[in-house]
Amino acid sequence: MENRWRGAPEEIARRLKVYIPDVEAAWLRTDKKPVMDLGCGRGEWLGLLRDHGIEGFGVDTNAVQIEEAQEAGLDVRASDALQALADQSDASLSVISAHHLIEHLPFDAVAWIVRETGRVLAPGGILLFETPNTRNVLVGATTFHTDPTHLKPMPEQVMGVLLETAGFDPVNIRHINPHERLGKFLDMPDFNDELAHLMFGPQDLAILGTKPVDA
């Protein structure tokens, strides 16, 4: 399912490069503390971090993907994401990331992760979530439902308020990865631009919250 509908590892790694400047800045601000990736899957993000000289480790519950990532020389551990986060020491990490994880969890678990992340991140560190953007009609009506383990969307309005309430400042929300056909429909003189964006605009949301340096 992941290979067919999310994309090949090389394609996923290409998309994730957009986060490297944010992560590298947080890593330097926090004296190069490690990065923790929740639900790391095949390890594309961890491999990208390694390529940029950033120490990171991941946790997942999928034995097949863990073995694949470990064979690639990545530090991936078999663990539930919530338990692994609870096991971390105070102010011990520079970045906590979770790419396409939160839509698989009940909201109370997502809220707990956000709160616990505030404890585990060093001041100046960042929490990074990526999740489907269901304001894109095609995502909300079709592709979100191709994964039977998705529970519910985590829209930007909810996630923004959640991170702000937990004390992250600033909270930055980005709309990323537009459909490859967006440009074609924007160029059509008889096709409404707003409709083009609703149908073929950004397919993913990125939510980045910074733990204040005086926290």
N, C-alpha and C. Protein backbone atom coordinates (compact mmCIF):
# COMPACT_ATOMS: atom_id res chain seq x y z
N MET A 1 0.83 -1.20 0.00
CA MET A 1 0.00 0.00 0.00
C MET A 1 0.87 1.26 0.00
N GLU A 2 1.90 1.27 0.86
CA GLU A 2 2.73 2.47 0.94
C GLU A 2 3.48 2.70 -0.35
N ASN A 3 4.05 1.62 -0.92
CA ASN A 3 4.79 1.77 -2.17
C ASN A 3 3.89 2.28 -3.29
N ARG A 4 2.64 1.79 -3.31
CA ARG A 4 1.76 2.14 -4.41
C ARG A 4 1.15 3.53 -4.25
N TRP A 5 0.72 3.90 -3.02
CA TRP A 5 -0.09 5.10 -2.86
C TRP A 5 0.67 6.27 -2.23
N ARG A 6 1.68 6.01 -1.41
CA ARG A 6 2.42 7.15 -0.85
C ARG A 6 3.57 7.55 -1.75
N GLY A 7 4.24 6.55 -2.33
CA GLY A 7 5.34 6.86 -3.23
C GLY A 7 6.58 6.04 -2.90
N ALA A 8 7.48 5.95 -3.88
CA ALA A 8 8.73 5.23 -3.69
C ALA A 8 9.59 5.97 -2.67
N PRO A 9 10.49 5.25 -1.99
CA PRO A 9 11.34 5.91 -0.99
C PRO A 9 12.09 7.12 -1.53
N GLU A 10 12.56 7.04 -2.76
CA GLU A 10 13.31 8.16 -3.34
C GLU A 10 12.43 9.40 -3.50
N GLU A 11 11.18 9.19 -3.87
CA GLU A 11 10.25 10.31 -4.04
C GLU A 11 9.91 10.93 -2.69
N ILE A 12 9.70 10.08 -1.67
CA ILE A 12 9.39 10.60 -0.34
C ILE A 12 10.57 11.41 0.19
N ALA A 13 11.78 10.90 0.02
CA ALA A 13 12.97 11.63 0.48
C ALA A 13 13.09 12.98 -0.22
N ARG A 14 12.75 13.01 -1.50
CA ARG A 14 12.82 14.28 -2.24
C ARG A 14 11.85 15.30 -1.65
N ARG A 15 10.65 14.86 -1.32
CA ARG A 15 9.65 15.77 -0.75
C ARG A 15 10.08 16.28 0.64
N LEU A 16 10.70 15.40 1.41
CA LEU A 16 11.06 15.75 2.79
C LEU A 16 12.21 16.74 2.88
N LYS A 17 12.93 16.94 1.80
CA LYS A 17 14.06 17.87 1.83
C LYS A 17 13.63 19.29 2.21
N VAL A 18 12.36 19.60 2.03
CA VAL A 18 11.86 20.93 2.34
C VAL A 18 12.04 21.27 3.82
N TYR A 19 12.13 20.25 4.68
CA TYR A 19 12.23 20.49 6.12
C TYR A 19 13.67 20.62 6.63
N ILE A 20 14.64 20.31 5.80
CA ILE A 20 16.02 20.29 6.27
C ILE A 20 16.47 21.64 6.84
N PRO A 21 16.19 22.79 6.22
CA PRO A 21 16.63 24.06 6.82
C PRO A 21 16.07 24.29 8.21
N ASP A 22 14.79 23.98 8.43
CA ASP A 22 14.19 24.15 9.75
C ASP A 22 14.84 23.24 10.78
N VAL A 23 15.05 22.00 10.40
CA VAL A 23 15.61 21.02 11.33
C VAL A 23 17.07 21.33 11.62
N GLU A 24 17.81 21.69 10.60
CA GLU A 24 19.22 22.01 10.82
C GLU A 24 19.36 23.21 11.76
N ALA A 25 18.50 24.21 11.60
CA ALA A 25 18.55 25.38 12.48
C ALA A 25 18.23 25.00 13.92
N ALA A 26 17.22 24.15 14.12
CA ALA A 26 16.87 23.71 15.48
C ALA A 26 17.99 22.86 16.07
N TRP A 27 18.57 22.02 15.27
CA TRP A 27 19.67 21.16 15.71
C TRP A 27 20.85 22.00 16.20
N LEU A 28 21.17 23.06 15.48
CA LEU A 28 22.27 23.94 15.90
C LEU A 28 21.90 24.75 17.14
N ARG A 29 20.65 25.22 17.21
CA ARG A 29 20.20 26.00 18.38
C ARG A 29 20.26 25.20 19.67
N THR A 30 20.12 23.89 19.55
CA THR A 30 20.04 23.03 20.73
C THR A 30 21.33 22.25 20.96
N ASP A 31 22.44 22.78 20.46
CA ASP A 31 23.75 22.13 20.65
C ASP A 31 23.78 20.72 20.06
N LYS A 32 23.13 20.57 18.92
CA LYS A 32 23.18 19.33 18.13
C LYS A 32 22.64 18.12 18.88
N LYS A 33 21.54 18.35 19.60
CA LYS A 33 20.87 17.22 20.24
C LYS A 33 20.18 16.37 19.16
N PRO A 34 19.94 15.09 19.43
CA PRO A 34 19.39 14.20 18.40
C PRO A 34 17.96 14.58 17.99
N VAL A 35 17.58 14.02 16.84
CA VAL A 35 16.22 14.12 16.31
C VAL A 35 15.54 12.78 16.54
N MET A 36 14.27 12.82 16.94
CA MET A 36 13.47 11.61 17.12
C MET A 36 12.32 11.62 16.13
N ASP A 37 12.18 10.54 15.38
CA ASP A 37 11.10 10.44 14.39
C ASP A 37 10.11 9.37 14.84
N LEU A 38 8.88 9.80 15.07
CA LEU A 38 7.82 8.89 15.51
C LEU A 38 7.12 8.27 14.30
N GLY A 39 6.97 6.96 14.31
CA GLY A 39 6.36 6.30 13.16
C GLY A 39 7.24 6.42 11.93
N CYS A 40 8.51 6.05 12.07
CA CYS A 40 9.51 6.36 11.03
C CYS A 40 9.38 5.50 9.78
N GLY A 41 8.63 4.40 9.84
CA GLY A 41 8.41 3.59 8.65
C GLY A 41 9.69 3.09 8.02
N ARG A 42 9.83 3.31 6.73
CA ARG A 42 10.98 2.81 5.98
C ARG A 42 12.26 3.60 6.24
N GLY A 43 12.14 4.74 6.91
CA GLY A 43 13.32 5.49 7.31
C GLY A 43 13.82 6.51 6.31
N GLU A 44 12.96 6.95 5.38
CA GLU A 44 13.41 7.94 4.39
C GLU A 44 13.91 9.22 5.06
N TRP A 45 13.18 9.67 6.08
CA TRP A 45 13.55 10.91 6.76
C TRP A 45 14.86 10.75 7.52
N LEU A 46 15.03 9.61 8.19
CA LEU A 46 16.26 9.37 8.93
C LEU A 46 17.46 9.29 8.00
N GLY A 47 17.27 8.68 6.84
CA GLY A 47 18.35 8.63 5.86
C GLY A 47 18.72 10.01 5.36
N LEU A 48 17.74 10.86 5.17
CA LEU A 48 17.99 12.23 4.73
C LEU A 48 18.74 13.01 5.80
N LEU A 49 18.34 12.84 7.05
CA LEU A 49 19.07 13.49 8.15
C LEU A 49 20.52 13.03 8.17
N ARG A 50 20.74 11.74 8.03
CA ARG A 50 22.10 11.20 8.02
C ARG A 50 22.93 11.82 6.90
N ASP A 51 22.32 11.97 5.74
CA ASP A 51 23.03 12.57 4.61
C ASP A 51 23.47 14.00 4.90
N HIS A 52 22.76 14.67 5.82
CA HIS A 52 23.10 16.05 6.18
C HIS A 52 23.87 16.12 7.50
N GLY A 53 24.33 14.99 7.98
CA GLY A 53 25.16 14.97 9.17
C GLY A 53 24.42 15.18 10.48
N ILE A 54 23.11 14.96 10.47
CA ILE A 54 22.28 15.17 11.67
C ILE A 54 21.95 13.83 12.30
N GLU A 55 22.28 13.67 13.57
CA GLU A 55 22.00 12.42 14.28
C GLU A 55 20.51 12.29 14.54
N GLY A 56 19.97 11.12 14.23
CA GLY A 56 18.56 10.90 14.47
C GLY A 56 18.26 9.43 14.69
N PHE A 57 17.16 9.15 15.35
CA PHE A 57 16.69 7.78 15.52
C PHE A 57 15.17 7.77 15.39
N GLY A 58 14.65 6.61 15.06
CA GLY A 58 13.22 6.50 14.84
C GLY A 58 12.62 5.32 15.58
N VAL A 59 11.29 5.37 15.74
CA VAL A 59 10.56 4.26 16.34
C VAL A 59 9.37 3.91 15.46
N ASP A 60 9.05 2.63 15.44
CA ASP A 60 7.91 2.17 14.65
C ASP A 60 7.48 0.81 15.20
N THR A 61 6.30 0.37 14.80
CA THR A 61 5.80 -0.93 15.24
C THR A 61 5.73 -1.93 14.10
N ASN A 62 6.08 -1.52 12.88
CA ASN A 62 6.02 -2.40 11.72
C ASN A 62 7.34 -3.15 11.58
N ALA A 63 7.31 -4.45 11.89
CA ALA A 63 8.54 -5.23 11.93
C ALA A 63 9.25 -5.29 10.58
N VAL A 64 8.48 -5.36 9.51
CA VAL A 64 9.08 -5.44 8.17
C VAL A 64 9.82 -4.15 7.84
N GLN A 65 9.20 -3.02 8.12
CA GLN A 65 9.84 -1.74 7.82
C GLN A 65 11.02 -1.47 8.75
N ILE A 66 10.92 -1.90 9.99
CA ILE A 66 12.04 -1.75 10.92
C ILE A 66 13.26 -2.50 10.39
N GLU A 67 13.04 -3.74 9.96
CA GLU A 67 14.14 -4.54 9.44
C GLU A 67 14.76 -3.89 8.21
N GLU A 68 13.92 -3.36 7.33
CA GLU A 68 14.41 -2.70 6.12
C GLU A 68 15.26 -1.48 6.47
N ALA A 69 14.79 -0.69 7.44
CA ALA A 69 15.54 0.50 7.84
C ALA A 69 16.85 0.13 8.52
N GLN A 70 16.83 -0.88 9.35
CA GLN A 70 18.04 -1.30 10.04
C GLN A 70 19.07 -1.85 9.06
N GLU A 71 18.60 -2.55 8.04
CA GLU A 71 19.52 -3.05 7.02
C GLU A 71 20.20 -1.91 6.27
N ALA A 72 19.53 -0.76 6.23
CA ALA A 72 20.12 0.42 5.61
C ALA A 72 21.05 1.17 6.56
N GLY A 73 21.27 0.62 7.75
CA GLY A 73 22.18 1.22 8.71
C GLY A 73 21.58 2.33 9.54
N LEU A 74 20.25 2.39 9.61
CA LEU A 74 19.58 3.45 10.35
C LEU A 74 19.25 3.00 11.77
N ASP A 75 19.22 3.94 12.69
CA ASP A 75 18.90 3.66 14.09
C ASP A 75 17.38 3.69 14.25
N VAL A 76 16.77 2.52 14.10
CA VAL A 76 15.32 2.39 14.19
C VAL A 76 15.01 1.34 15.24
N ARG A 77 14.08 1.68 16.13
CA ARG A 77 13.77 0.82 17.27
C ARG A 77 12.30 0.42 17.25
N ALA A 78 12.05 -0.80 17.66
CA ALA A 78 10.68 -1.30 17.73
C ALA A 78 10.03 -0.77 19.00
N SER A 79 9.07 0.13 18.83
CA SER A 79 8.40 0.70 20.00
C SER A 79 7.15 1.45 19.57
N ASP A 80 6.19 1.47 20.45
CA ASP A 80 5.03 2.34 20.30
C ASP A 80 5.48 3.79 20.44
N ALA A 81 4.97 4.66 19.60
CA ALA A 81 5.43 6.06 19.57
C ALA A 81 5.20 6.76 20.91
N LEU A 82 4.05 6.54 21.54
CA LEU A 82 3.76 7.23 22.79
C LEU A 82 4.68 6.76 23.91
N GLN A 83 4.92 5.46 23.99
CA GLN A 83 5.80 4.96 25.03
C GLN A 83 7.23 5.42 24.81
N ALA A 84 7.67 5.41 23.56
CA ALA A 84 9.03 5.84 23.26
C ALA A 84 9.23 7.30 23.63
N LEU A 85 8.23 8.13 23.38
CA LEU A 85 8.32 9.54 23.73
C LEU A 85 8.35 9.71 25.25
N ALA A 86 7.52 8.96 25.95
CA ALA A 86 7.48 9.05 27.40
C ALA A 86 8.81 8.65 28.04
N ASP A 87 9.56 7.78 27.36
CA ASP A 87 10.83 7.29 27.89
C ASP A 87 11.98 8.28 27.74
N GLN A 88 11.79 9.37 26.99
CA GLN A 88 12.87 10.32 26.75
C GLN A 88 13.03 11.27 27.94
N SER A 89 14.25 11.71 28.13
CA SER A 89 14.56 12.64 29.22
C SER A 89 14.12 14.05 28.88
N ASP A 90 13.96 14.88 29.90
CA ASP A 90 13.59 16.28 29.72
C ASP A 90 14.63 17.00 28.87
N ALA A 91 14.15 17.84 27.94
CA ALA A 91 15.01 18.74 27.15
C ALA A 91 16.18 18.00 26.49
N SER A 92 15.91 16.80 25.96
CA SER A 92 16.98 15.96 25.44
C SER A 92 17.07 15.91 23.93
N LEU A 93 16.08 16.46 23.22
CA LEU A 93 16.03 16.34 21.76
C LEU A 93 15.91 17.70 21.10
N SER A 94 16.42 17.78 19.88
CA SER A 94 16.33 19.03 19.11
C SER A 94 15.06 19.11 18.29
N VAL A 95 14.61 17.96 17.78
CA VAL A 95 13.43 17.90 16.91
C VAL A 95 12.69 16.61 17.20
N ILE A 96 11.37 16.69 17.25
CA ILE A 96 10.52 15.51 17.26
C ILE A 96 9.62 15.62 16.04
N SER A 97 9.71 14.63 15.16
CA SER A 97 8.96 14.66 13.91
C SER A 97 8.01 13.47 13.83
N ALA A 98 6.94 13.66 13.09
CA ALA A 98 5.98 12.58 12.85
C ALA A 98 5.34 12.86 11.49
N HIS A 99 5.76 12.12 10.50
CA HIS A 99 5.24 12.30 9.14
C HIS A 99 4.12 11.30 8.90
N HIS A 100 2.94 11.82 8.69
CA HIS A 100 1.76 11.00 8.40
C HIS A 100 1.54 9.94 9.47
N LEU A 101 1.52 10.42 10.71
CA LEU A 101 1.22 9.57 11.86
C LEU A 101 -0.06 10.01 12.56
N ILE A 102 -0.23 11.32 12.77
CA ILE A 102 -1.29 11.78 13.66
C ILE A 102 -2.69 11.46 13.15
N GLU A 103 -2.85 11.32 11.83
CA GLU A 103 -4.18 10.97 11.31
C GLU A 103 -4.55 9.51 11.61
N HIS A 104 -3.59 8.74 12.12
CA HIS A 104 -3.83 7.36 12.50
C HIS A 104 -4.22 7.22 13.98
N LEU A 105 -4.19 8.33 14.71
CA LEU A 105 -4.35 8.28 16.16
C LEU A 105 -5.62 8.99 16.63
N PRO A 106 -6.17 8.57 17.77
CA PRO A 106 -7.26 9.34 18.37
C PRO A 106 -6.75 10.73 18.78
N PHE A 107 -7.66 11.69 18.83
CA PHE A 107 -7.22 13.06 19.12
C PHE A 107 -6.57 13.18 20.49
N ASP A 108 -7.05 12.44 21.49
CA ASP A 108 -6.45 12.56 22.81
C ASP A 108 -5.00 12.09 22.81
N ALA A 109 -4.67 11.12 21.96
CA ALA A 109 -3.29 10.68 21.84
C ALA A 109 -2.43 11.75 21.17
N VAL A 110 -2.98 12.41 20.16
CA VAL A 110 -2.25 13.50 19.49
C VAL A 110 -2.00 14.64 20.48
N ALA A 111 -3.02 14.98 21.26
CA ALA A 111 -2.85 16.05 22.26
C ALA A 111 -1.80 15.67 23.28
N TRP A 112 -1.76 14.42 23.69
CA TRP A 112 -0.75 13.96 24.64
C TRP A 112 0.65 14.08 24.05
N ILE A 113 0.81 13.70 22.78
CA ILE A 113 2.11 13.82 22.11
C ILE A 113 2.58 15.26 22.11
N VAL A 114 1.67 16.18 21.79
CA VAL A 114 2.04 17.59 21.75
C VAL A 114 2.50 18.07 23.12
N ARG A 115 1.76 17.72 24.15
CA ARG A 115 2.12 18.15 25.50
C ARG A 115 3.44 17.52 25.94
N GLU A 116 3.61 16.23 25.69
CA GLU A 116 4.83 15.53 26.11
C GLU A 116 6.04 16.03 25.33
N THR A 117 5.84 16.40 24.10
CA THR A 117 6.92 16.95 23.30
C THR A 117 7.47 18.23 23.92
N GLY A 118 6.58 19.03 24.52
CA GLY A 118 7.03 20.24 25.19
C GLY A 118 8.00 19.95 26.32
N ARG A 119 7.87 18.80 26.94
CA ARG A 119 8.80 18.39 27.99
C ARG A 119 10.13 17.90 27.41
N VAL A 120 10.06 17.12 26.35
CA VAL A 120 11.23 16.41 25.84
C VAL A 120 12.12 17.29 24.97
N LEU A 121 11.54 18.25 24.28
CA LEU A 121 12.36 19.13 23.43
C LEU A 121 13.22 20.07 24.27
N ALA A 122 14.43 20.30 23.80
CA ALA A 122 15.26 21.35 24.36
C ALA A 122 14.70 22.71 23.93
N PRO A 123 14.90 23.76 24.71
CA PRO A 123 14.47 25.10 24.28
C PRO A 123 15.06 25.44 22.91
N GLY A 124 14.20 25.94 22.03
CA GLY A 124 14.62 26.21 20.65
C GLY A 124 14.38 25.05 19.71
N GLY A 125 13.99 23.89 20.26
CA GLY A 125 13.70 22.73 19.41
C GLY A 125 12.34 22.86 18.75
N ILE A 126 12.08 21.98 17.80
CA ILE A 126 10.81 22.06 17.06
C ILE A 126 10.08 20.73 17.04
N LEU A 127 8.78 20.84 17.03
CA LEU A 127 7.87 19.73 16.79
C LEU A 127 7.39 19.85 15.35
N LEU A 128 7.51 18.78 14.59
CA LEU A 128 7.17 18.79 13.17
C LEU A 128 6.17 17.68 12.88
N PHE A 129 4.97 18.08 12.45
CA PHE A 129 3.97 17.13 11.97
C PHE A 129 3.74 17.35 10.48
N GLU A 130 3.57 16.25 9.75
CA GLU A 130 3.03 16.33 8.38
C GLU A 130 1.83 15.41 8.32
N THR A 131 0.76 15.91 7.69
CA THR A 131 -0.49 15.16 7.66
C THR A 131 -1.26 15.53 6.39
N PRO A 132 -2.17 14.69 5.91
CA PRO A 132 -2.91 15.02 4.70
C PRO A 132 -3.72 16.31 4.86
N ASN A 133 -3.75 17.08 3.78
CA ASN A 133 -4.51 18.33 3.74
C ASN A 133 -5.88 18.04 3.13
N THR A 134 -6.86 17.83 3.97
CA THR A 134 -8.17 17.46 3.46
C THR A 134 -8.99 18.65 2.96
N ARG A 135 -8.41 19.86 3.01
CA ARG A 135 -9.05 20.99 2.29
C ARG A 135 -8.92 20.78 0.79
N ASN A 136 -7.94 20.00 0.38
CA ASN A 136 -7.88 19.56 -1.00
C ASN A 136 -9.00 18.52 -1.18
N VAL A 137 -9.93 18.83 -2.07
CA VAL A 137 -11.13 18.01 -2.21
C VAL A 137 -10.78 16.58 -2.59
N LEU A 138 -9.82 16.40 -3.47
CA LEU A 138 -9.47 15.04 -3.89
C LEU A 138 -8.85 14.25 -2.74
N VAL A 139 -8.07 14.92 -1.91
CA VAL A 139 -7.51 14.25 -0.74
C VAL A 139 -8.62 13.88 0.24
N GLY A 140 -9.48 14.85 0.55
CA GLY A 140 -10.53 14.61 1.53
C GLY A 140 -11.55 13.57 1.09
N ALA A 141 -11.81 13.53 -0.22
CA ALA A 141 -12.86 12.63 -0.71
C ALA A 141 -12.34 11.27 -1.15
N THR A 142 -11.03 11.20 -1.49
CA THR A 142 -10.53 9.94 -2.06
C THR A 142 -9.27 9.45 -1.37
N THR A 143 -8.12 10.13 -1.57
CA THR A 143 -6.85 9.53 -1.18
C THR A 143 -6.72 9.34 0.33
N PHE A 144 -7.35 10.20 1.13
CA PHE A 144 -7.30 10.01 2.58
C PHE A 144 -7.84 8.63 2.96
N HIS A 145 -8.80 8.15 2.20
CA HIS A 145 -9.49 6.92 2.56
C HIS A 145 -8.86 5.68 1.94
N THR A 146 -7.79 5.84 1.15
CA THR A 146 -7.13 4.66 0.61
C THR A 146 -6.32 3.93 1.68
N ASP A 147 -6.06 4.58 2.80
CA ASP A 147 -5.38 3.92 3.91
C ASP A 147 -6.43 3.55 4.96
N PRO A 148 -6.72 2.27 5.12
CA PRO A 148 -7.79 1.88 6.04
C PRO A 148 -7.46 2.13 7.51
N THR A 149 -6.20 2.48 7.82
CA THR A 149 -5.84 2.76 9.22
C THR A 149 -5.96 4.24 9.56
N HIS A 150 -6.32 5.10 8.61
CA HIS A 150 -6.59 6.50 8.93
C HIS A 150 -7.86 6.59 9.77
N LEU A 151 -7.78 7.33 10.87
CA LEU A 151 -8.95 7.51 11.72
C LEU A 151 -9.74 8.76 11.36
N LYS A 152 -9.05 9.90 11.34
CA LYS A 152 -9.73 11.17 11.04
C LYS A 152 -8.70 12.20 10.62
N PRO A 153 -9.12 13.17 9.83
CA PRO A 153 -8.20 14.27 9.47
C PRO A 153 -7.83 15.09 10.70
N MET A 154 -6.66 15.72 10.65
CA MET A 154 -6.21 16.65 11.67
C MET A 154 -6.01 18.01 11.00
N PRO A 155 -7.09 18.79 10.87
CA PRO A 155 -7.03 20.03 10.09
C PRO A 155 -6.16 21.09 10.75
N GLU A 156 -5.74 22.03 9.93
CA GLU A 156 -4.80 23.06 10.39
C GLU A 156 -5.37 23.91 11.51
N GLN A 157 -6.68 24.19 11.49
CA GLN A 157 -7.26 25.02 12.55
C GLN A 157 -7.11 24.34 13.91
N VAL A 158 -7.36 23.04 13.95
CA VAL A 158 -7.26 22.28 15.20
C VAL A 158 -5.81 22.18 15.65
N MET A 159 -4.93 21.82 14.73
CA MET A 159 -3.53 21.61 15.09
C MET A 159 -2.85 22.91 15.49
N GLY A 160 -3.21 24.00 14.83
CA GLY A 160 -2.62 25.29 15.19
C GLY A 160 -2.98 25.69 16.62
N VAL A 161 -4.26 25.57 16.96
CA VAL A 161 -4.70 25.92 18.31
C VAL A 161 -4.08 24.96 19.34
N LEU A 162 -3.99 23.69 19.00
CA LEU A 162 -3.43 22.71 19.93
C LEU A 162 -1.99 23.05 20.28
N LEU A 163 -1.16 23.34 19.27
CA LEU A 163 0.25 23.66 19.54
C LEU A 163 0.38 24.98 20.28
N GLU A 164 -0.42 25.96 19.92
CA GLU A 164 -0.36 27.25 20.63
C GLU A 164 -0.75 27.08 22.10
N THR A 165 -1.80 26.30 22.35
CA THR A 165 -2.24 26.07 23.73
C THR A 165 -1.17 25.37 24.55
N ALA A 166 -0.39 24.50 23.90
CA ALA A 166 0.68 23.77 24.58
C ALA A 166 1.92 24.62 24.80
N GLY A 167 1.93 25.85 24.28
CA GLY A 167 3.03 26.76 24.54
C GLY A 167 4.05 26.91 23.45
N PHE A 168 3.81 26.30 22.29
CA PHE A 168 4.75 26.46 21.18
C PHE A 168 4.59 27.85 20.56
N ASP A 169 5.72 28.48 20.27
CA ASP A 169 5.69 29.83 19.72
C ASP A 169 7.03 30.14 19.04
N PRO A 170 6.99 30.37 17.71
CA PRO A 170 5.81 30.45 16.85
C PRO A 170 5.33 29.07 16.41
N VAL A 171 4.09 29.06 15.90
CA VAL A 171 3.54 27.89 15.23
C VAL A 171 3.37 28.25 13.76
N ASN A 172 4.00 27.47 12.92
CA ASN A 172 4.01 27.76 11.48
C ASN A 172 3.29 26.64 10.74
N ILE A 173 2.31 27.01 9.93
CA ILE A 173 1.55 26.03 9.15
C ILE A 173 1.79 26.28 7.67
N ARG A 174 2.16 25.23 6.97
CA ARG A 174 2.48 25.34 5.55
C ARG A 174 1.64 24.35 4.75
N HIS A 175 1.31 24.76 3.54
CA HIS A 175 0.57 23.91 2.61
C HIS A 175 1.55 23.47 1.54
N ILE A 176 1.78 22.17 1.43
CA ILE A 176 2.86 21.68 0.58
C ILE A 176 2.39 20.57 -0.36
N ASN A 177 3.25 20.26 -1.31
CA ASN A 177 3.05 19.15 -2.25
C ASN A 177 1.76 19.26 -3.07
N PRO A 178 1.65 20.32 -3.89
CA PRO A 178 0.47 20.40 -4.76
C PRO A 178 0.47 19.26 -5.77
N HIS A 179 -0.71 18.94 -6.24
CA HIS A 179 -0.87 17.89 -7.24
C HIS A 179 -0.13 18.30 -8.51
N GLU A 180 0.42 17.33 -9.20
CA GLU A 180 1.21 17.60 -10.40
C GLU A 180 0.38 18.25 -11.51
N ARG A 181 -0.93 18.17 -11.43
CA ARG A 181 -1.79 18.74 -12.48
C ARG A 181 -2.24 20.16 -12.16
N LEU A 182 -1.83 20.72 -11.02
CA LEU A 182 -2.30 22.05 -10.66
C LEU A 182 -1.95 23.09 -11.72
N GLY A 183 -0.71 23.12 -12.18
CA GLY A 183 -0.30 24.11 -13.17
C GLY A 183 -1.11 24.03 -14.45
N LYS A 184 -1.43 22.81 -14.86
CA LYS A 184 -2.22 22.63 -16.09
C LYS A 184 -3.58 23.30 -15.97
N PHE A 185 -4.24 23.14 -14.82
CA PHE A 185 -5.58 23.72 -14.66
C PHE A 185 -5.52 25.22 -14.41
N LEU A 186 -4.47 25.70 -13.76
CA LEU A 186 -4.32 27.15 -13.60
C LEU A 186 -4.11 27.84 -14.93
N ASP A 187 -3.51 27.14 -15.87
CA ASP A 187 -3.24 27.72 -17.20
C ASP A 187 -4.47 27.69 -18.11
N MET A 188 -5.51 27.00 -17.72
CA MET A 188 -6.72 26.94 -18.54
C MET A 188 -7.52 28.22 -18.36
N PRO A 189 -7.73 29.01 -19.40
CA PRO A 189 -8.44 30.28 -19.25
C PRO A 189 -9.90 30.13 -18.84
N ASP A 190 -10.49 28.98 -19.11
CA ASP A 190 -11.91 28.79 -18.77
C ASP A 190 -12.11 27.95 -17.52
N PHE A 191 -11.03 27.79 -16.70
CA PHE A 191 -11.14 27.02 -15.46
C PHE A 191 -10.85 27.94 -14.29
N ASN A 192 -11.74 27.98 -13.32
CA ASN A 192 -11.63 28.87 -12.17
C ASN A 192 -10.41 28.53 -11.31
N ASP A 193 -9.60 29.55 -10.99
CA ASP A 193 -8.37 29.32 -10.22
C ASP A 193 -8.67 28.77 -8.82
N GLU A 194 -9.72 29.28 -8.18
CA GLU A 194 -10.05 28.80 -6.84
C GLU A 194 -10.43 27.33 -6.87
N LEU A 195 -11.17 26.94 -7.88
CA LEU A 195 -11.55 25.54 -8.03
C LEU A 195 -10.32 24.68 -8.31
N ALA A 196 -9.40 25.21 -9.11
CA ALA A 196 -8.15 24.47 -9.39
C ALA A 196 -7.40 24.19 -8.11
N HIS A 197 -7.32 25.19 -7.22
CA HIS A 197 -6.61 24.99 -5.96
C HIS A 197 -7.35 24.03 -5.04
N LEU A 198 -8.69 24.10 -5.04
CA LEU A 198 -9.46 23.18 -4.20
C LEU A 198 -9.28 21.73 -4.65
N MET A 199 -9.15 21.53 -5.95
CA MET A 199 -9.04 20.18 -6.48
C MET A 199 -7.60 19.68 -6.52
N PHE A 200 -6.68 20.56 -6.90
CA PHE A 200 -5.32 20.12 -7.21
C PHE A 200 -4.24 20.87 -6.43
N GLY A 201 -4.66 21.58 -5.38
CA GLY A 201 -3.70 22.35 -4.59
C GLY A 201 -2.90 21.47 -3.65
N PRO A 202 -2.30 22.06 -2.61
CA PRO A 202 -1.45 21.31 -1.69
C PRO A 202 -2.16 20.07 -1.10
N GLN A 203 -1.45 18.95 -1.16
CA GLN A 203 -2.03 17.70 -0.69
C GLN A 203 -1.66 17.38 0.77
N ASP A 204 -0.69 18.14 1.30
CA ASP A 204 -0.24 17.89 2.66
C ASP A 204 -0.15 19.18 3.46
N LEU A 205 -0.29 19.03 4.77
CA LEU A 205 -0.07 20.12 5.72
C LEU A 205 1.19 19.85 6.50
N ALA A 206 1.96 20.88 6.73
CA ALA A 206 3.09 20.81 7.65
C ALA A 206 2.79 21.75 8.82
N ILE A 207 2.91 21.24 10.02
CA ILE A 207 2.71 22.04 11.22
C ILE A 207 4.00 22.01 12.01
N LEU A 208 4.63 23.16 12.19
CA LEU A 208 5.91 23.26 12.90
C LEU A 208 5.75 24.20 14.09
N GLY A 209 6.03 23.68 15.26
CA GLY A 209 5.97 24.50 16.48
C GLY A 209 7.33 24.55 17.13
N THR A 210 7.74 25.74 17.56
CA THR A 210 9.03 25.93 18.22
C THR A 210 8.84 26.06 19.72
N LYS A 211 9.64 25.33 20.49
CA LYS A 211 9.62 25.51 21.94
C LYS A 211 10.42 26.77 22.25
N PRO A 212 9.82 27.76 22.90
CA PRO A 212 10.53 29.02 23.15
C PRO A 212 11.85 28.80 23.89
N VAL A 213 12.84 29.61 23.56
CA VAL A 213 14.16 29.43 24.16
C VAL A 213 14.16 29.73 25.64
N ASP A 214 13.16 30.47 26.13
CA ASP A 214 13.11 30.79 27.56
C ASP A 214 12.17 29.85 28.32
N ALA A 215 11.75 28.77 27.65
CA ALA A 215 10.82 27.81 28.28
C ALA A 215 11.57 26.88 29.23
